[in-house]
Protein backbone atom coordinates (compact mmCIF):
# COMPACT_ATOMS: atom_id res chain seq x y z
CA MET A 1 10.33 57.88 -47.84
CA GLY A 2 10.20 57.55 -44.08
CA ARG A 3 6.93 55.60 -44.30
CA VAL A 4 8.47 53.13 -46.75
CA SER A 5 11.45 52.68 -44.46
CA LEU A 6 9.16 52.10 -41.49
CA VAL A 7 7.19 49.43 -43.37
CA THR A 8 10.37 47.79 -44.51
CA VAL A 9 11.73 47.66 -40.97
CA ARG A 10 8.43 46.32 -39.64
CA ASP A 11 8.26 43.62 -42.32
CA LEU A 12 11.86 42.69 -41.60
CA ALA A 13 11.05 42.37 -37.90
CA LEU A 14 8.01 40.18 -38.69
CA VAL A 15 10.07 37.97 -40.97
CA THR A 16 12.77 37.70 -38.31
CA LEU A 17 10.19 36.83 -35.63
CA PHE A 18 8.55 34.22 -37.92
CA THR A 19 11.92 32.70 -38.68
CA LEU A 20 12.79 32.42 -34.97
CA VAL A 21 9.44 30.85 -34.17
CA ALA A 22 9.79 28.45 -37.06
CA VAL A 23 13.27 27.45 -35.93
CA ALA A 24 12.03 26.96 -32.38
CA LEU A 25 9.09 24.89 -33.53
CA PHE A 26 11.27 22.82 -35.80
CA SER A 27 13.68 22.20 -32.97
CA ARG A 28 10.85 21.18 -30.65
CA LEU A 29 9.39 18.90 -33.30
CA GLN A 30 12.78 17.26 -33.74
CA GLN A 31 13.03 16.85 -29.97
CA ASP A 32 9.53 15.36 -29.70
CA TRP A 33 10.14 13.06 -32.64
CA ARG A 34 13.37 11.80 -31.07
CA PHE A 35 11.48 11.14 -27.78
CA ILE A 36 8.69 9.28 -29.63
CA SER A 37 11.13 7.21 -31.64
CA VAL A 38 12.84 6.12 -28.42
CA ILE A 39 9.86 5.47 -26.16
CA LEU A 40 7.58 3.62 -28.58
CA PRO A 41 9.75 0.49 -29.02
CA LEU A 42 10.25 0.37 -25.25
CA LEU A 43 6.51 0.62 -24.54
CA ARG A 44 5.76 -2.32 -26.90
CA LEU A 45 7.74 -4.70 -24.63
CA ASP A 46 6.46 -6.57 -21.61
CA ASP A 47 8.64 -6.17 -18.54
CA SER A 48 9.48 -9.85 -18.82
CA GLU A 49 11.14 -9.46 -22.24
CA GLN A 50 14.55 -8.79 -20.77
CA VAL A 51 16.62 -10.01 -23.73
CA ALA A 52 14.79 -7.91 -26.28
CA GLY A 53 14.87 -5.06 -23.81
CA GLN A 54 18.65 -5.25 -23.46
CA GLU A 55 19.05 -5.11 -27.24
CA LEU A 56 16.85 -2.01 -27.39
CA CYS A 57 18.80 -0.48 -24.51
CA ARG A 58 21.95 -0.71 -26.56
CA GLY A 59 20.11 1.03 -29.41
CA VAL A 60 18.92 3.81 -27.12
CA ALA A 61 22.48 4.31 -25.84
CA THR A 62 23.52 5.47 -29.32
CA VAL A 63 20.85 8.24 -29.43
CA SER A 64 21.54 11.63 -27.91
CA LEU A 65 18.99 12.16 -25.15
CA THR A 66 20.64 14.96 -23.20
CA ASP A 67 18.60 17.75 -24.90
CA LEU A 68 15.23 16.11 -24.17
CA THR A 69 12.97 17.75 -21.57
CA ILE A 70 13.10 16.62 -18.00
CA GLY A 71 9.67 15.03 -18.33
CA GLN A 72 10.71 13.08 -21.41
CA ARG A 73 13.86 11.85 -19.68
CA GLU A 74 11.79 10.82 -16.65
CA THR A 75 9.48 8.76 -18.89
CA ILE A 76 12.30 7.02 -20.79
CA GLY A 77 14.27 6.47 -17.55
CA ALA A 78 11.21 4.81 -15.88
CA ARG A 79 10.71 2.49 -18.78
CA LEU A 80 14.35 1.57 -18.94
CA SER A 81 14.34 0.76 -15.22
CA SER A 82 11.30 -1.58 -15.64
CA LEU A 83 13.16 -3.38 -18.44
CA GLY A 84 16.26 -3.82 -16.25
CA CYS A 85 18.51 -1.40 -18.17
CA VAL A 86 19.81 0.09 -14.91
CA ASP A 87 23.01 1.69 -16.17
CA LEU A 88 21.26 3.47 -18.98
CA ALA A 89 18.36 4.45 -16.70
CA ILE A 90 20.91 6.14 -14.42
CA ALA A 91 22.35 8.10 -17.36
CA VAL A 92 18.92 9.19 -18.68
CA THR A 93 16.97 9.91 -15.51
CA PRO A 94 17.37 13.49 -14.15
CA SER A 95 19.06 13.72 -10.75
CA PHE A 96 16.82 14.09 -7.69
CA GLU A 97 16.57 17.57 -6.27
CA PRO A 98 14.08 17.99 -3.34
CA ASN A 99 12.95 21.46 -4.37
CA ARG A 100 12.43 20.72 -8.06
CA LYS A 101 8.91 20.58 -9.48
CA ARG A 102 7.74 16.91 -9.76
CA SER A 103 10.54 15.99 -7.36
CA HIS A 104 8.40 13.15 -5.89
CA LEU A 105 8.43 11.44 -9.32
CA LEU A 106 12.23 11.70 -9.50
CA ALA A 107 12.56 10.48 -5.95
CA TYR A 108 10.52 7.39 -6.92
CA GLN A 109 12.55 6.74 -10.04
CA GLN A 110 15.95 7.30 -8.48
CA GLY A 111 14.87 5.11 -5.53
CA GLN A 112 13.82 2.32 -7.87
CA ILE A 113 17.19 2.49 -9.66
CA ALA A 114 18.98 2.26 -6.27
CA TRP A 115 16.68 -0.66 -5.36
CA LEU A 116 17.66 -2.48 -8.58
CA GLN A 117 21.30 -1.86 -7.79
CA GLY A 118 20.85 -3.44 -4.36
CA ASP A 119 21.35 -0.17 -2.50
CA ILE A 120 18.29 -0.58 -0.27
CA ALA A 121 19.24 2.10 2.22
CA ARG A 122 19.55 4.75 -0.48
CA ALA A 123 16.30 3.62 -2.11
CA ILE A 124 14.44 3.99 1.20
CA SER A 125 16.04 7.37 1.83
CA LEU A 126 14.94 8.68 -1.55
CA TRP A 127 11.42 7.20 -1.27
CA ARG A 128 10.86 8.94 2.03
CA GLN A 129 11.43 12.30 0.37
CA GLY A 130 8.79 11.88 -2.34
CA ARG A 131 5.12 12.69 -1.69
CA GLY A 132 2.84 9.65 -1.76
CA ILE A 133 5.56 7.12 -2.57
CA ASP A 134 4.78 4.95 0.48
CA LYS A 135 1.17 4.48 -0.90
CA LEU A 136 2.57 3.65 -4.29
CA LEU A 137 4.88 1.02 -2.85
CA LEU A 138 2.09 -0.60 -0.86
CA SER A 139 -0.12 -0.65 -3.96
CA ARG A 140 2.65 -2.27 -5.93
CA ALA A 141 3.08 -4.93 -3.23
CA ARG A 142 -0.61 -5.80 -3.17
CA GLN A 143 -0.77 -5.97 -6.95
CA SER A 144 2.09 -8.43 -7.11
CA LYS A 145 1.19 -10.75 -4.18
CA ASP A 146 -0.76 -13.20 -6.32
CA ARG A 147 1.87 -13.25 -9.10
CA ASN A 148 5.12 -13.42 -7.17
CA VAL A 149 4.89 -13.64 -3.38
CA VAL A 150 8.64 -13.21 -2.80
CA GLU A 151 8.70 -10.02 -4.89
CA ALA A 152 5.58 -8.80 -3.07
CA MET A 153 7.25 -9.44 0.32
CA HIS A 154 10.10 -7.14 -0.56
CA TRP A 155 7.74 -4.40 -1.80
CA TYR A 156 5.69 -4.65 1.42
CA GLU A 157 8.85 -4.25 3.44
CA ALA A 158 9.92 -1.26 1.29
CA ALA A 159 6.53 0.35 1.92
CA ILE A 160 6.92 -0.20 5.67
CA LYS A 161 10.42 1.25 5.82
CA ALA A 162 9.58 4.21 3.55
CA SER A 163 6.31 5.09 5.39
CA GLN A 164 6.08 8.85 5.90
CA SER A 165 3.41 8.76 8.67
CA GLN A 166 2.26 6.56 11.55
CA GLN A 167 -0.95 6.00 9.58
CA MET A 168 0.84 4.57 6.56
CA LEU A 169 3.18 2.60 8.77
CA ALA A 170 0.25 0.96 10.47
CA GLU A 171 -1.53 0.27 7.18
CA SER A 172 1.59 -1.21 5.56
CA ILE A 173 2.41 -3.52 8.44
CA THR A 174 -1.19 -4.71 8.69
CA ALA A 175 -1.43 -5.40 4.95
CA TYR A 176 1.96 -7.16 5.01
CA ILE A 177 0.87 -9.65 7.68
CA GLU A 178 -2.75 -10.14 6.60
CA ASP A 179 -1.96 -10.52 2.93
CA LEU A 180 1.06 -12.81 3.26
CA ARG A 181 0.05 -15.01 6.21
CA GLY A 182 -0.55 -18.43 4.77
CA GLN A 183 1.32 -17.55 1.55
CA ILE A 184 4.77 -17.80 3.09
CA GLY A 185 6.00 -20.18 5.72
CA LEU A 186 5.41 -19.39 9.38
CA GLU A 187 9.09 -19.38 10.29
CA GLU A 188 9.98 -17.19 7.36
CA LEU A 189 7.28 -14.67 8.32
CA ARG A 190 8.49 -14.67 11.91
CA THR A 191 12.04 -14.11 10.77
CA ARG A 192 11.02 -11.17 8.63
CA LEU A 193 9.06 -9.62 11.52
CA ARG A 194 12.05 -9.89 13.85
CA GLN A 195 14.27 -8.30 11.22
CA LEU A 196 11.80 -5.41 10.84
CA ALA A 197 11.70 -5.02 14.63
CA ALA A 198 15.49 -4.78 14.70
CA TYR A 199 15.40 -2.25 11.85
CA PHE A 200 13.11 0.07 13.81
CA GLY A 201 14.63 -0.74 17.19
CA GLU A 202 13.24 -3.49 19.40
CA THR A 203 12.53 -1.08 22.33
CA THR A 204 10.59 1.40 20.15
CA ALA A 205 6.80 1.40 19.89
CA ILE A 206 6.89 -0.16 16.45
CA GLY A 207 9.51 -2.66 17.57
CA HIS A 208 7.25 -3.86 20.42
CA ARG A 209 4.23 -3.98 18.01
CA LEU A 210 6.16 -6.22 15.58
CA ARG A 211 7.41 -8.49 18.38
CA GLY A 212 3.90 -8.76 19.72
CA GLN A 213 2.73 -9.92 16.31
CA ASP A 214 5.55 -12.48 16.25
CA PHE A 215 4.38 -13.91 19.60
CA LEU A 216 0.80 -14.10 18.36
CA LEU A 217 1.88 -16.20 15.37
CA ILE A 218 3.06 -18.98 17.75
CA GLY A 219 0.21 -18.60 20.23
CA ASP A 220 2.23 -17.04 23.00
CA PHE A 221 -0.59 -14.75 24.10
CA ALA A 222 0.95 -13.64 27.39
CA GLY A 223 4.14 -12.59 25.61
CA ALA A 224 2.14 -10.91 22.88
CA TYR A 225 0.02 -8.94 25.40
CA ALA A 226 3.14 -7.72 27.21
CA GLN A 227 4.71 -6.50 23.97
CA LEU A 228 1.58 -4.96 22.53
CA SER A 229 0.67 -3.17 25.76
CA GLN A 230 4.13 -1.62 25.71
CA ALA A 231 3.61 -0.59 22.11
CA THR A 232 0.43 1.28 22.92
CA THR A 233 2.08 2.87 25.98
CA LEU A 234 4.89 4.15 23.81
CA GLY A 235 2.52 5.63 21.19
CA SER A 236 1.58 2.91 18.71
CA THR A 237 -2.10 3.80 18.88
CA ASP A 238 -3.46 2.76 15.52
CA ALA A 239 -6.61 0.60 15.36
CA GLU A 240 -4.81 -2.61 14.48
CA THR A 241 -2.37 -2.46 17.39
CA TRP A 242 -5.26 -1.82 19.79
CA TYR A 243 -7.16 -4.72 18.26
CA LEU A 244 -4.21 -7.12 18.60
CA THR A 245 -3.78 -6.02 22.21
CA GLY A 246 -7.47 -6.82 22.85
CA TYR A 247 -7.18 -10.20 21.13
CA ALA A 248 -4.13 -11.10 23.23
CA ALA A 249 -5.88 -9.97 26.38
CA GLN A 250 -8.99 -11.99 25.57
CA SER A 251 -6.89 -15.08 24.83
CA ILE A 252 -5.37 -14.98 28.36
CA GLY A 253 -8.76 -14.43 29.96
CA ASN A 254 -8.45 -10.68 30.69
CA LEU A 255 -11.87 -9.78 29.33
CA ALA A 256 -12.11 -6.30 30.82
CA GLU A 257 -8.86 -5.22 29.27
CA ALA A 258 -9.83 -6.96 26.00
CA GLU A 259 -13.06 -4.91 25.83
CA ASN A 260 -11.19 -1.69 26.60
CA ALA A 261 -8.60 -2.39 23.89
CA TYR A 262 -11.28 -3.32 21.33
CA ARG A 263 -13.10 -0.08 22.07
CA GLN A 264 -9.87 1.86 21.71
CA ALA A 265 -9.43 0.23 18.31
CA LEU A 266 -12.82 1.50 17.23
CA ASP A 267 -12.40 4.99 18.71
CA THR A 268 -8.86 5.89 17.72
CA PRO A 269 -8.51 8.46 14.96
CA MET A 270 -5.88 6.24 13.31
CA GLN A 271 -8.24 3.85 11.59
CA ILE A 272 -7.50 1.21 8.94
CA ASN A 273 -10.79 1.25 7.11
CA TRP A 274 -10.65 -2.20 5.50
CA ARG A 275 -9.96 -3.76 8.94
CA ARG A 276 -12.73 -1.95 10.81
CA PRO A 277 -15.46 -4.56 10.09
CA TRP A 278 -13.27 -7.25 11.70
CA HIS A 279 -12.62 -5.00 14.71
CA LEU A 280 -16.37 -4.43 15.09
CA TYR A 281 -17.03 -8.16 14.82
CA SER A 282 -14.38 -9.01 17.41
CA LEU A 283 -15.93 -6.80 20.06
CA GLY A 284 -19.38 -8.08 18.99
CA VAL A 285 -18.19 -11.67 19.68
CA LEU A 286 -17.01 -10.68 23.14
CA LEU A 287 -20.23 -8.91 24.07
CA PHE A 288 -22.38 -11.75 22.57
CA SER A 289 -20.53 -14.21 24.80
CA GLN A 290 -21.49 -12.06 27.80
CA ASP A 291 -25.11 -11.88 26.67
CA ARG A 292 -24.88 -8.11 26.09
CA LEU A 293 -27.03 -8.47 23.04
CA GLN A 294 -28.19 -4.94 22.37
CA GLU A 295 -24.58 -3.63 22.39
CA ALA A 296 -23.44 -6.58 20.25
CA SER A 297 -26.19 -6.10 17.65
CA LEU A 298 -25.24 -2.44 17.03
CA LEU A 299 -21.63 -3.41 16.38
CA LEU A 300 -22.56 -6.29 14.14
CA GLU A 301 -25.00 -4.23 12.17
CA GLU A 302 -22.28 -1.73 11.36
CA ALA A 303 -19.85 -4.55 10.50
CA THR A 304 -22.36 -6.12 8.05
CA GLN A 305 -23.16 -2.74 6.48
CA ARG A 306 -19.48 -2.21 5.74
CA ASP A 307 -18.78 -5.77 4.63
CA GLY A 308 -21.38 -8.43 4.04
CA TYR A 309 -18.96 -11.25 5.07
CA TYR A 310 -21.05 -14.31 6.03
CA LEU A 311 -19.38 -14.67 9.42
CA TYR A 312 -20.55 -11.23 10.52
CA VAL A 313 -24.06 -11.82 9.18
CA ASP A 314 -24.33 -15.24 10.84
CA LEU A 315 -23.46 -13.86 14.25
CA LEU A 316 -25.87 -11.01 13.75
CA SER A 317 -28.60 -13.50 13.00
CA LEU A 318 -27.79 -15.46 16.16
CA THR A 319 -27.93 -12.20 18.14
CA TYR A 320 -31.36 -11.39 16.72
CA TYR A 321 -32.59 -14.88 17.60
CA ARG A 322 -31.52 -14.42 21.18
CA MET A 323 -33.26 -11.03 21.26
CA GLU A 324 -36.40 -12.78 19.91
CA ARG A 325 -36.32 -10.70 16.72
CA LYS A 326 -37.17 -13.72 14.65
CA GLN A 327 -37.98 -12.17 11.27
CA GLU A 328 -34.78 -10.11 11.29
CA ALA A 329 -32.84 -13.24 12.34
CA GLN A 330 -34.27 -15.28 9.47
CA ARG A 331 -33.60 -12.50 6.95
CA ALA A 332 -29.98 -12.17 8.11
CA CYS A 333 -29.49 -15.92 8.04
CA ARG A 334 -30.73 -16.13 4.40
CA LEU A 335 -28.30 -13.36 3.53
CA ALA A 336 -25.45 -15.25 5.17
CA ARG A 337 -26.31 -18.31 3.13
CA GLU A 338 -26.35 -16.30 -0.09
CA GLN A 339 -22.94 -14.95 0.78
CA ILE A 340 -21.32 -18.35 1.49
CA GLY A 341 -23.05 -20.33 -1.25
CA VAL A 342 -25.45 -23.29 -1.25
CA THR A 343 -22.78 -25.95 -1.09
CA ALA A 344 -21.13 -24.70 2.10
CA PRO A 345 -21.65 -26.46 5.46
CA ILE A 346 -24.67 -25.51 7.63
CA LEU A 347 -24.44 -22.15 9.38
CA GLU A 348 -24.92 -21.63 13.14
CA CYS A 349 -27.99 -19.47 12.51
CA GLU A 350 -29.50 -22.30 10.42
CA ARG A 351 -29.02 -24.71 13.32
CA VAL A 352 -30.81 -22.31 15.66
CA GLY A 353 -33.54 -21.53 13.09
CA HIS A 354 -34.43 -25.19 12.71
């Protein structure tokens, strides 16, 4: 009798457990289905389809989303933000808490919502708290520069202001200027640089660096050199700031200081990898002009190994010609021609070779 009772109790327990698991699974399936039914129509839209997006936003607003998981709410909130449904994105997206798992994702999303609302200060504050967001903002800027230069300009500036390290700050400023120079008007670019300098403080290292760049844009090399030298003195020691200091010094005839600054640009731990070939080339040009050919050739060889840009290869060929390394010079010159194309004007190495 006791054995039968024991079996009955065990069977009852198993049935109860099965029922609880089934209820939980059914509840989860309902939750997942609700998530899928909301997100799929949103994913089918392009970000430009604002009208259709607004209609869908109103439809989403009638669905209960409060019992979805945090990850599901993050996903829906991000998509709603990209479609311009800011109010609903605020309601759906979980609040940012620094210690929460995946907090960097929430910081990015809440920052984007604040950005869309025009609260730039709050957006920057949130983005500074999320791991890797500064890199994400810079990537977004570079992806949009060919599509919408005005939009890109704002994302570059967001990346600059939200930078979490001196390295990222240097990379963001360098990309901002190099990518947009020629795509926006000179005066507009100068105005933006002065505004950024004021944001960071004009007497800070980064303020002097930005003001130095502003002077370079108008050819005031003495003013640029004074500003950039102060920037390096105060701690702005990334490769691009040192390079700009060297360029300004060379432009006013201070060749010894130019060489020193160029070498600092190449030796500093705070490198900007995609700019290093140009830094190598710039010092190579200076040494070539002083007939220091062996030193110049080593720099130019590294530059061409990193980036086969025809300008680097052309100068390397000229250097080889002066060193009476004719076969290497001819080979480099042919490579430069391949890089620039057959219809381009004659190269300097071709003039010497003939």
